[in-house]
């Protein structure tokens, strides 16, 4: 697993000891409970290693008016 607090961009953990959970939005609107280690500078959300590079889990890549999940 990658080092905790690794960044895609933006601010770091600022010394926080709180464990963040992945804030990814799956195509099926299912939550991810893995620890978040990567910060997205576009949407400002935190993602686990698996979802950080998966555009389907980023709300910043959804079409305008879409919220994720099955409609």
PDB file of N, CA and C in Angstrom:
ATOM      1  N   UNK A   1       0.853  -1.180   0.000  1.00  0.00           N
ATOM      2  CA  UNK A   1       0.000   0.000   0.000  1.00  0.00           C
ATOM      3  C   UNK A   1       0.892   1.235   0.000  1.00  0.00           C
ATOM      4  N   UNK A   2       0.471   2.301  -0.635  1.00  0.00           N
ATOM      5  CA  UNK A   2       1.272   3.514  -0.731  1.00  0.00           C
ATOM      6  C   UNK A   2       1.351   4.211   0.622  1.00  0.00           C
ATOM      7  N   UNK A   3       2.320   5.067   0.744  1.00  0.00           N
ATOM      8  CA  UNK A   3       2.494   5.811   1.989  1.00  0.00           C
ATOM      9  C   UNK A   3       1.290   6.703   2.236  1.00  0.00           C
ATOM     10  N   UNK A   4       0.855   6.757   3.460  1.00  0.00           N
ATOM     11  CA  UNK A   4      -0.286   7.570   3.838  1.00  0.00           C
ATOM     12  C   UNK A   4       0.025   9.043   3.615  1.00  0.00           C
ATOM     13  N   UNK A   5      -0.915   9.765   3.025  1.00  0.00           N
ATOM     14  CA  UNK A   5      -0.737  11.186   2.798  1.00  0.00           C
ATOM     15  C   UNK A   5      -0.108  11.515   1.457  1.00  0.00           C
ATOM     16  N   UNK A   6       0.097  10.534   0.593  1.00  0.00           N
ATOM     17  CA  UNK A   6       0.642  10.808  -0.734  1.00  0.00           C
ATOM     18  C   UNK A   6      -0.331  11.713  -1.468  1.00  0.00           C
ATOM     19  N   UNK A   7       0.186  12.612  -2.271  1.00  0.00           N
ATOM     20  CA  UNK A   7      -0.679  13.602  -2.893  1.00  0.00           C
ATOM     21  C   UNK A   7      -0.667  13.526  -4.405  1.00  0.00           C
ATOM     22  N   UNK A   8      -1.831  13.748  -5.002  1.00  0.00           N
ATOM     23  CA  UNK A   8      -1.943  13.908  -6.434  1.00  0.00           C
ATOM     24  C   UNK A   8      -1.623  15.377  -6.738  1.00  0.00           C
ATOM     25  N   UNK A   9      -1.923  16.235  -5.795  1.00  0.00           N
ATOM     26  CA  UNK A   9      -1.688  17.670  -5.917  1.00  0.00           C
ATOM     27  C   UNK A   9      -2.374  18.367  -4.771  1.00  0.00           C
ATOM     28  N   UNK A  10      -2.186  19.671  -4.642  1.00  0.00           N
ATOM     29  CA  UNK A  10      -2.861  20.420  -3.589  1.00  0.00           C
ATOM     30  C   UNK A  10      -2.178  20.281  -2.249  1.00  0.00           C
ATOM     31  N   UNK A  11      -2.891  20.613  -1.180  1.00  0.00           N
ATOM     32  CA  UNK A  11      -2.345  20.616   0.170  1.00  0.00           C
ATOM     33  C   UNK A  11      -2.168  19.223   0.714  1.00  0.00           C
ATOM     34  N   UNK A  12      -1.253  19.109   1.648  1.00  0.00           N
ATOM     35  CA  UNK A  12      -0.998  17.836   2.316  1.00  0.00           C
ATOM     36  C   UNK A  12      -1.905  17.651   3.500  1.00  0.00           C
ATOM     37  N   UNK A  13      -1.549  16.715   4.363  1.00  0.00           N
ATOM     38  CA  UNK A  13      -2.355  16.406   5.527  1.00  0.00           C
ATOM     39  C   UNK A  13      -2.298  17.443   6.616  1.00  0.00           C
ATOM     40  N   UNK A  14      -1.387  18.417   6.519  1.00  0.00           N
ATOM     41  CA  UNK A  14      -1.241  19.468   7.508  1.00  0.00           C
ATOM     42  C   UNK A  14      -1.096  18.915   8.916  1.00  0.00           C
ATOM     43  N   UNK A  15      -0.448  17.756   9.070  1.00  0.00           N
ATOM     44  CA  UNK A  15      -0.185  17.199  10.381  1.00  0.00           C
ATOM     45  C   UNK A  15      -1.379  16.523  11.022  1.00  0.00           C
ATOM     46  N   UNK A  16      -2.444  16.336  10.292  1.00  0.00           N
ATOM     47  CA  UNK A  16      -3.633  15.708  10.868  1.00  0.00           C
ATOM     48  C   UNK A  16      -3.396  14.219  11.048  1.00  0.00           C
ATOM     49  N   UNK A  17      -3.875  13.663  12.157  1.00  0.00           N
ATOM     50  CA  UNK A  17      -3.773  12.236  12.404  1.00  0.00           C
ATOM     51  C   UNK A  17      -5.079  11.521  12.097  1.00  0.00           C
ATOM     52  N   UNK A  18      -6.073  12.246  11.639  1.00  0.00           N
ATOM     53  CA  UNK A  18      -7.362  11.639  11.342  1.00  0.00           C
ATOM     54  C   UNK A  18      -7.250  10.801  10.081  1.00  0.00           C
ATOM     55  N   UNK A  19      -7.866   9.636  10.110  1.00  0.00           N
ATOM     56  CA  UNK A  19      -7.838   8.783   8.932  1.00  0.00           C
ATOM     57  C   UNK A  19      -9.013   9.120   8.037  1.00  0.00           C
ATOM     58  N   UNK A  20      -8.707   9.558   6.845  1.00  0.00           N
ATOM     59  CA  UNK A  20      -9.747   9.886   5.864  1.00  0.00           C
ATOM     60  C   UNK A  20     -10.159   8.619   5.132  1.00  0.00           C
ATOM     61  N   UNK A  21     -11.421   8.562   4.739  1.00  0.00           N
ATOM     62  CA  UNK A  21     -11.900   7.460   3.904  1.00  0.00           C
ATOM     63  C   UNK A  21     -12.069   7.973   2.482  1.00  0.00           C
ATOM     64  N   UNK A  22     -11.958   7.072   1.538  1.00  0.00           N
ATOM     65  CA  UNK A  22     -12.117   7.407   0.131  1.00  0.00           C
ATOM     66  C   UNK A  22     -13.470   8.074  -0.093  1.00  0.00           C
ATOM     67  N   UNK A  23     -13.472   9.176  -0.817  1.00  0.00           N
ATOM     68  CA  UNK A  23     -14.692   9.921  -1.105  1.00  0.00           C
ATOM     69  C   UNK A  23     -15.157   9.700  -2.545  1.00  0.00           C
ATOM     70  N   UNK A  24     -14.701   8.606  -3.149  1.00  0.00           N
ATOM     71  CA  UNK A  24     -15.061   8.314  -4.523  1.00  0.00           C
ATOM     72  C   UNK A  24     -16.546   8.055  -4.694  1.00  0.00           C
ATOM     73  N   UNK A  25     -17.057   8.407  -5.861  1.00  0.00           N
ATOM     74  CA  UNK A  25     -18.457   8.178  -6.220  1.00  0.00           C
ATOM     75  C   UNK A  25     -18.457   7.123  -7.318  1.00  0.00           C
ATOM     76  N   UNK A  26     -18.878   5.899  -6.990  1.00  0.00           N
ATOM     77  CA  UNK A  26     -18.839   4.817  -7.972  1.00  0.00           C
ATOM     78  C   UNK A  26     -19.949   4.969  -9.000  1.00  0.00           C
ATOM     79  N   UNK A  27     -19.781   4.340 -10.154  1.00  0.00           N
ATOM     80  CA  UNK A  27     -20.844   4.374 -11.169  1.00  0.00           C
ATOM     81  C   UNK A  27     -22.152   3.775 -10.642  1.00  0.00           C
ATOM     82  N   UNK A  28     -22.084   2.897  -9.639  1.00  0.00           N
ATOM     83  CA  UNK A  28     -23.277   2.274  -9.059  1.00  0.00           C
ATOM     84  C   UNK A  28     -23.657   2.900  -7.728  1.00  0.00           C
ATOM     85  N   UNK A  29     -23.072   4.040  -7.412  1.00  0.00           N
ATOM     86  CA  UNK A  29     -23.348   4.779  -6.179  1.00  0.00           C
ATOM     87  C   UNK A  29     -23.019   3.958  -4.931  1.00  0.00           C
ATOM     88  N   UNK A  30     -21.924   3.190  -4.991  1.00  0.00           N
ATOM     89  CA  UNK A  30     -21.485   2.392  -3.858  1.00  0.00           C
ATOM     90  C   UNK A  30     -20.312   3.089  -3.175  1.00  0.00           C
ATOM     91  N   UNK A  31     -20.313   3.190  -1.856  1.00  0.00           N
ATOM     92  CA  UNK A  31     -19.214   3.856  -1.151  1.00  0.00           C
ATOM     93  C   UNK A  31     -17.969   2.979  -1.088  1.00  0.00           C
ATOM     94  N   UNK A  32     -16.828   3.610  -0.912  1.00  0.00           N
ATOM     95  CA  UNK A  32     -15.567   2.905  -0.712  1.00  0.00           C
ATOM     96  C   UNK A  32     -15.120   3.180   0.718  1.00  0.00           C
ATOM     97  N   UNK A  33     -14.754   2.148   1.446  1.00  0.00           N
ATOM     98  CA  UNK A  33     -14.367   2.297   2.847  1.00  0.00           C
ATOM     99  C   UNK A  33     -12.865   2.193   3.080  1.00  0.00           C
ATOM    100  N   UNK A  34     -12.066   2.277   2.014  1.00  0.00           N
ATOM    101  CA  UNK A  34     -10.623   2.198   2.166  1.00  0.00           C
ATOM    102  C   UNK A  34     -10.052   3.558   2.577  1.00  0.00           C
ATOM    103  N   UNK A  35      -8.920   3.565   3.252  1.00  0.00           N
ATOM    104  CA  UNK A  35      -8.289   4.835   3.647  1.00  0.00           C
ATOM    105  C   UNK A  35      -7.901   5.664   2.424  1.00  0.00           C
ATOM    106  N   UNK A  36      -8.134   6.947   2.496  1.00  0.00           N
ATOM    107  CA  UNK A  36      -7.801   7.861   1.401  1.00  0.00           C
ATOM    108  C   UNK A  36      -6.358   8.328   1.559  1.00  0.00           C
ATOM    109  N   UNK A  37      -5.603   8.266   0.474  1.00  0.00           N
ATOM    110  CA  UNK A  37      -4.202   8.663   0.504  1.00  0.00           C
ATOM    111  C   UNK A  37      -3.855   9.682  -0.573  1.00  0.00           C
ATOM    112  N   UNK A  38      -4.795   9.936  -1.497  1.00  0.00           N
ATOM    113  CA  UNK A  38      -4.515  10.813  -2.632  1.00  0.00           C
ATOM    114  C   UNK A  38      -5.556  11.930  -2.705  1.00  0.00           C
ATOM    115  N   UNK A  39      -5.086  13.168  -2.835  1.00  0.00           N
ATOM    116  CA  UNK A  39      -5.966  14.335  -2.914  1.00  0.00           C
ATOM    117  C   UNK A  39      -6.085  14.785  -4.361  1.00  0.00           C
ATOM    118  N   UNK A  40      -7.303  15.000  -4.830  1.00  0.00           N
ATOM    119  CA  UNK A  40      -7.539  15.493  -6.197  1.00  0.00           C
ATOM    120  C   UNK A  40      -7.635  17.022  -6.148  1.00  0.00           C
ATOM    121  N   UNK A  41      -6.754  17.724  -6.844  1.00  0.00           N
ATOM    122  CA  UNK A  41      -6.788  19.183  -6.812  1.00  0.00           C
ATOM    123  C   UNK A  41      -7.978  19.777  -7.570  1.00  0.00           C
ATOM    124  N   UNK A  42      -8.608  19.011  -8.442  1.00  0.00           N
ATOM    125  CA  UNK A  42      -9.740  19.504  -9.231  1.00  0.00           C
ATOM    126  C   UNK A  42     -11.016  19.542  -8.408  1.00  0.00           C
ATOM    127  N   UNK A  43     -11.364  18.405  -7.768  1.00  0.00           N
ATOM    128  CA  UNK A  43     -12.621  18.349  -7.017  1.00  0.00           C
ATOM    129  C   UNK A  43     -12.414  18.513  -5.512  1.00  0.00           C
ATOM    130  N   UNK A  44     -11.152  18.424  -5.059  1.00  0.00           N
ATOM    131  CA  UNK A  44     -10.866  18.618  -3.640  1.00  0.00           C
ATOM    132  C   UNK A  44     -11.185  17.409  -2.778  1.00  0.00           C
ATOM    133  N   UNK A  45     -11.528  16.292  -3.382  1.00  0.00           N
ATOM    134  CA  UNK A  45     -11.858  15.080  -2.627  1.00  0.00           C
ATOM    135  C   UNK A  45     -10.622  14.223  -2.424  1.00  0.00           C
ATOM    136  N   UNK A  46     -10.719  13.316  -1.440  1.00  0.00           N
ATOM    137  CA  UNK A  46      -9.656  12.373  -1.132  1.00  0.00           C
ATOM    138  C   UNK A  46     -10.057  10.987  -1.615  1.00  0.00           C
ATOM    139  N   UNK A  47      -9.080  10.243  -2.183  1.00  0.00           N
ATOM    140  CA  UNK A  47      -9.336   8.930  -2.756  1.00  0.00           C
ATOM    141  C   UNK A  47      -8.332   7.905  -2.259  1.00  0.00           C
ATOM    142  N   UNK A  48      -8.755   6.632  -2.262  1.00  0.00           N
ATOM    143  CA  UNK A  48      -7.831   5.540  -1.954  1.00  0.00           C
ATOM    144  C   UNK A  48      -6.942   5.334  -3.179  1.00  0.00           C
ATOM    145  N   UNK A  49      -5.902   4.543  -3.014  1.00  0.00           N
ATOM    146  CA  UNK A  49      -4.974   4.295  -4.117  1.00  0.00           C
ATOM    147  C   UNK A  49      -5.677   3.721  -5.339  1.00  0.00           C
ATOM    148  N   UNK A  50      -6.632   2.829  -5.126  1.00  0.00           N
ATOM    149  CA  UNK A  50      -7.308   2.160  -6.236  1.00  0.00           C
ATOM    150  C   UNK A  50      -8.183   3.109  -7.052  1.00  0.00           C
ATOM    151  N   UNK A  51      -8.803   4.083  -6.408  1.00  0.00           N
ATOM    152  CA  UNK A  51      -9.741   4.958  -7.105  1.00  0.00           C
ATOM    153  C   UNK A  51      -9.152   6.308  -7.503  1.00  0.00           C
ATOM    154  N   UNK A  52      -7.954   6.610  -7.063  1.00  0.00           N
ATOM    155  CA  UNK A  52      -7.336   7.898  -7.376  1.00  0.00           C
ATOM    156  C   UNK A  52      -7.150   8.093  -8.876  1.00  0.00           C
ATOM    157  N   UNK A  53      -6.815   7.034  -9.579  1.00  0.00           N
ATOM    158  CA  UNK A  53      -6.563   7.139 -11.015  1.00  0.00           C
ATOM    159  C   UNK A  53      -7.750   6.678 -11.859  1.00  0.00           C
ATOM    160  N   UNK A  54      -8.854   6.299 -11.222  1.00  0.00           N
ATOM    161  CA  UNK A  54     -10.031   5.811 -11.932  1.00  0.00           C
ATOM    162  C   UNK A  54     -11.033   6.958 -12.082  1.00  0.00           C
ATOM    163  N   UNK A  55     -11.125   7.521 -13.278  1.00  0.00           N
ATOM    164  CA  UNK A  55     -11.977   8.683 -13.512  1.00  0.00           C
ATOM    165  C   UNK A  55     -13.450   8.424 -13.239  1.00  0.00           C
ATOM    166  N   UNK A  56     -13.875   7.172 -13.282  1.00  0.00           N
ATOM    167  CA  UNK A  56     -15.281   6.861 -13.020  1.00  0.00           C
ATOM    168  C   UNK A  56     -15.666   7.142 -11.572  1.00  0.00           C
ATOM    169  N   UNK A  57     -14.688   7.253 -10.683  1.00  0.00           N
ATOM    170  CA  UNK A  57     -14.952   7.490  -9.261  1.00  0.00           C
ATOM    171  C   UNK A  57     -14.813   8.955  -8.866  1.00  0.00           C
ATOM    172  N   UNK A  58     -14.421   9.819  -9.787  1.00  0.00           N
ATOM    173  CA  UNK A  58     -14.252  11.244  -9.481  1.00  0.00           C
ATOM    174  C   UNK A  58     -15.488  12.032  -9.888  1.00  0.00           C
ATOM    175  N   UNK A  59     -16.055  12.783  -8.965  1.00  0.00           N
ATOM    176  CA  UNK A  59     -17.217  13.605  -9.301  1.00  0.00           C
ATOM    177  C   UNK A  59     -16.825  14.737 -10.238  1.00  0.00           C
ATOM    178  N   UNK A  60     -15.548  15.103 -10.275  1.00  0.00           N
ATOM    179  CA  UNK A  60     -15.121  16.203 -11.143  1.00  0.00           C
ATOM    180  C   UNK A  60     -15.077  15.797 -12.608  1.00  0.00           C
ATOM    181  N   UNK A  61     -15.247  14.510 -12.922  1.00  0.00           N
ATOM    182  CA  UNK A  61     -15.239  14.079 -14.323  1.00  0.00           C
ATOM    183  C   UNK A  61     -16.636  13.754 -14.836  1.00  0.00           C
ATOM    184  N   UNK A  62     -17.658  13.919 -14.001  1.00  0.00           N
ATOM    185  CA  UNK A  62     -19.025  13.659 -14.430  1.00  0.00           C
ATOM    186  C   UNK A  62     -19.530  14.775 -15.323  1.00  0.00           C
ATOM    187  N   UNK A  63     -20.429  14.453 -16.205  1.00  0.00           N
ATOM    188  CA  UNK A  63     -21.043  15.460 -17.061  1.00  0.00           C
ATOM    189  C   UNK A  63     -21.878  16.409 -16.216  1.00  0.00           C
ATOM    190  N   UNK A  64     -22.007  17.664 -16.629  1.00  0.00           N
ATOM    191  CA  UNK A  64     -22.815  18.629 -15.871  1.00  0.00           C
ATOM    192  C   UNK A  64     -24.237  18.092 -15.623  1.00  0.00           C
ATOM    193  N   UNK A  65     -24.688  18.200 -14.397  1.00  0.00           N
ATOM    194  CA  UNK A  65     -26.023  17.730 -14.039  1.00  0.00           C
ATOM    195  C   UNK A  65     -26.052  16.297 -13.535  1.00  0.00           C
ATOM    196  N   UNK A  66     -24.969  15.539 -13.732  1.00  0.00           N
ATOM    197  CA  UNK A  66     -24.896  14.163 -13.251  1.00  0.00           C
ATOM    198  C   UNK A  66     -24.386  14.157 -11.816  1.00  0.00           C
ATOM    199  N   UNK A  67     -24.849  13.191 -11.033  1.00  0.00           N
ATOM    200  CA  UNK A  67     -24.418  13.061  -9.650  1.00  0.00           C
ATOM    201  C   UNK A  67     -23.782  11.714  -9.372  1.00  0.00           C
ATOM    202  N   UNK A  68     -23.656  10.883 -10.357  1.00  0.00           N
ATOM    203  CA  UNK A  68     -23.119   9.532 -10.161  1.00  0.00           C
ATOM    204  C   UNK A  68     -24.238   8.560  -9.856  1.00  0.00           C
ATOM    205  N   UNK A  69     -23.920   7.279  -9.859  1.00  0.00           N
ATOM    206  CA  UNK A  69     -24.931   6.255  -9.583  1.00  0.00           C
ATOM    207  C   UNK A  69     -25.803   5.990 -10.802  1.00  0.00           C
ATOM    208  N   UNK A  70     -26.596   4.979 -10.668  1.00  0.00           N
ATOM    209  CA  UNK A  70     -27.521   4.617 -11.742  1.00  0.00           C
ATOM    210  C   UNK A  70     -28.761   5.491 -11.644  1.00  0.00           C
ATOM    211  N   UNK A  71     -29.175   6.084 -12.724  1.00  0.00           N
ATOM    212  CA  UNK A  71     -30.218   7.065 -12.748  1.00  0.00           C
ATOM    213  C   UNK A  71     -31.576   6.661 -12.476  1.00  0.00           C
TER     214      UNK A  71
END
